[in-house]
Amino acid sequence: MFRFDDTVRIKASGVVGTITDISSAAGGVVYVVEADAAEEYDGIPAVYFCTEEELEKVNV
């Protein structure tokens, strides 16, 4: 299980970001990951919605 502000990597794409929200809707947990600055588009950080299985913790 991950927590707010954990730094994580999305396994499939390698994108690294920070967990900014956690939702437990529809019987499952969804993590909102805001990508690091390298993944910005027009100054807006990319946001991804992931399950726990799609993420791995990054030690900073």
C-alpha atoms as a PDB file:
ATOM      1  CA  MET A   1       0.000   0.000   0.000  1.00  0.00           C
ATOM      2  CA  PHE A   2       1.195   3.481  -0.863  1.00  0.00           C
ATOM      3  CA  ARG A   3       0.686   6.782   0.950  1.00  0.00           C
ATOM      4  CA  PHE A   4       0.247  10.429   0.051  1.00  0.00           C
ATOM      5  CA  ASP A   5       3.478  12.049  -1.180  1.00  0.00           C
ATOM      6  CA  ASP A   6       5.164   8.704  -1.931  1.00  0.00           C
ATOM      7  CA  THR A   7       7.408   8.840  -4.968  1.00  0.00           C
ATOM      8  CA  VAL A   8       6.470   6.027  -7.333  1.00  0.00           C
ATOM      9  CA  ARG A   9       7.226   4.713 -10.813  1.00  0.00           C
ATOM     10  CA  ILE A  10       4.545   3.505 -13.195  1.00  0.00           C
ATOM     11  CA  LYS A  11       5.848   0.080 -14.197  1.00  0.00           C
ATOM     12  CA  ALA A  12       4.545   0.052 -17.789  1.00  0.00           C
ATOM     13  CA  SER A  13       5.840   3.467 -18.827  1.00  0.00           C
ATOM     14  CA  GLY A  14       8.653   4.236 -16.383  1.00  0.00           C
ATOM     15  CA  VAL A  15       7.085   7.607 -15.520  1.00  0.00           C
ATOM     16  CA  VAL A  16       8.108   8.797 -12.052  1.00  0.00           C
ATOM     17  CA  GLY A  17       5.800  10.948  -9.973  1.00  0.00           C
ATOM     18  CA  THR A  18       4.197  11.640  -6.615  1.00  0.00           C
ATOM     19  CA  ILE A  19       0.938  10.274  -5.227  1.00  0.00           C
ATOM     20  CA  THR A  20      -1.371  13.263  -4.765  1.00  0.00           C
ATOM     21  CA  ASP A  21      -4.658  11.498  -4.020  1.00  0.00           C
ATOM     22  CA  ILE A  22      -6.004   8.073  -3.085  1.00  0.00           C
ATOM     23  CA  SER A  23      -9.547   6.948  -3.853  1.00  0.00           C
ATOM     24  CA  SER A  24     -11.308   3.769  -2.792  1.00  0.00           C
ATOM     25  CA  ALA A  25     -14.228   3.928  -5.200  1.00  0.00           C
ATOM     26  CA  ALA A  26     -15.993   0.886  -6.667  1.00  0.00           C
ATOM     27  CA  GLY A  27     -14.358  -1.559  -4.277  1.00  0.00           C
ATOM     28  CA  GLY A  28     -10.793  -0.879  -5.429  1.00  0.00           C
ATOM     29  CA  VAL A  29      -8.061   1.623  -4.666  1.00  0.00           C
ATOM     30  CA  VAL A  30      -6.969   4.125  -7.299  1.00  0.00           C
ATOM     31  CA  TYR A  31      -3.867   6.278  -6.874  1.00  0.00           C
ATOM     32  CA  VAL A  32      -3.570   9.665  -8.561  1.00  0.00           C
ATOM     33  CA  VAL A  33       0.040  10.180  -9.617  1.00  0.00           C
ATOM     34  CA  GLU A  34       1.280  13.622 -10.649  1.00  0.00           C
ATOM     35  CA  ALA A  35       4.307  13.175 -12.889  1.00  0.00           C
ATOM     36  CA  ASP A  36       7.594  14.971 -12.281  1.00  0.00           C
ATOM     37  CA  ALA A  37       8.356  18.218 -14.098  1.00  0.00           C
ATOM     38  CA  ALA A  38       9.907  16.306 -17.008  1.00  0.00           C
ATOM     39  CA  GLU A  39       6.404  15.114 -17.916  1.00  0.00           C
ATOM     40  CA  GLU A  40       4.764  18.558 -18.046  1.00  0.00           C
ATOM     41  CA  TYR A  41       2.661  19.678 -20.977  1.00  0.00           C
ATOM     42  CA  ASP A  42       2.386  23.452 -21.403  1.00  0.00           C
ATOM     43  CA  GLY A  43       3.353  23.877 -17.759  1.00  0.00           C
ATOM     44  CA  ILE A  44       0.678  21.484 -16.510  1.00  0.00           C
ATOM     45  CA  PRO A  45       1.941  18.269 -14.874  1.00  0.00           C
ATOM     46  CA  ALA A  46       0.685  15.029 -16.376  1.00  0.00           C
ATOM     47  CA  VAL A  47      -1.696  13.112 -14.093  1.00  0.00           C
ATOM     48  CA  TYR A  48      -2.163   9.342 -14.122  1.00  0.00           C
ATOM     49  CA  PHE A  49      -4.730   7.110 -12.413  1.00  0.00           C
ATOM     50  CA  CYS A  50      -3.183   3.791 -11.351  1.00  0.00           C
ATOM     51  CA  THR A  51      -3.880   0.698  -9.310  1.00  0.00           C
ATOM     52  CA  GLU A  52      -1.422  -0.572  -6.716  1.00  0.00           C
ATOM     53  CA  GLU A  53      -0.263  -3.335  -9.075  1.00  0.00           C
ATOM     54  CA  GLU A  54       0.780  -0.748 -11.679  1.00  0.00           C
ATOM     55  CA  LEU A  55       3.106   1.108  -9.305  1.00  0.00           C
ATOM     56  CA  GLU A  56       6.421   0.561  -7.572  1.00  0.00           C
ATOM     57  CA  LYS A  57       7.973   2.677  -4.819  1.00  0.00           C
ATOM     58  CA  VAL A  58      11.035   4.760  -5.693  1.00  0.00           C
ATOM     59  CA  ASN A  59      13.585   5.454  -2.977  1.00  0.00           C
ATOM     60  CA  VAL A  60      14.616   9.084  -2.986  1.00  0.00           C
END
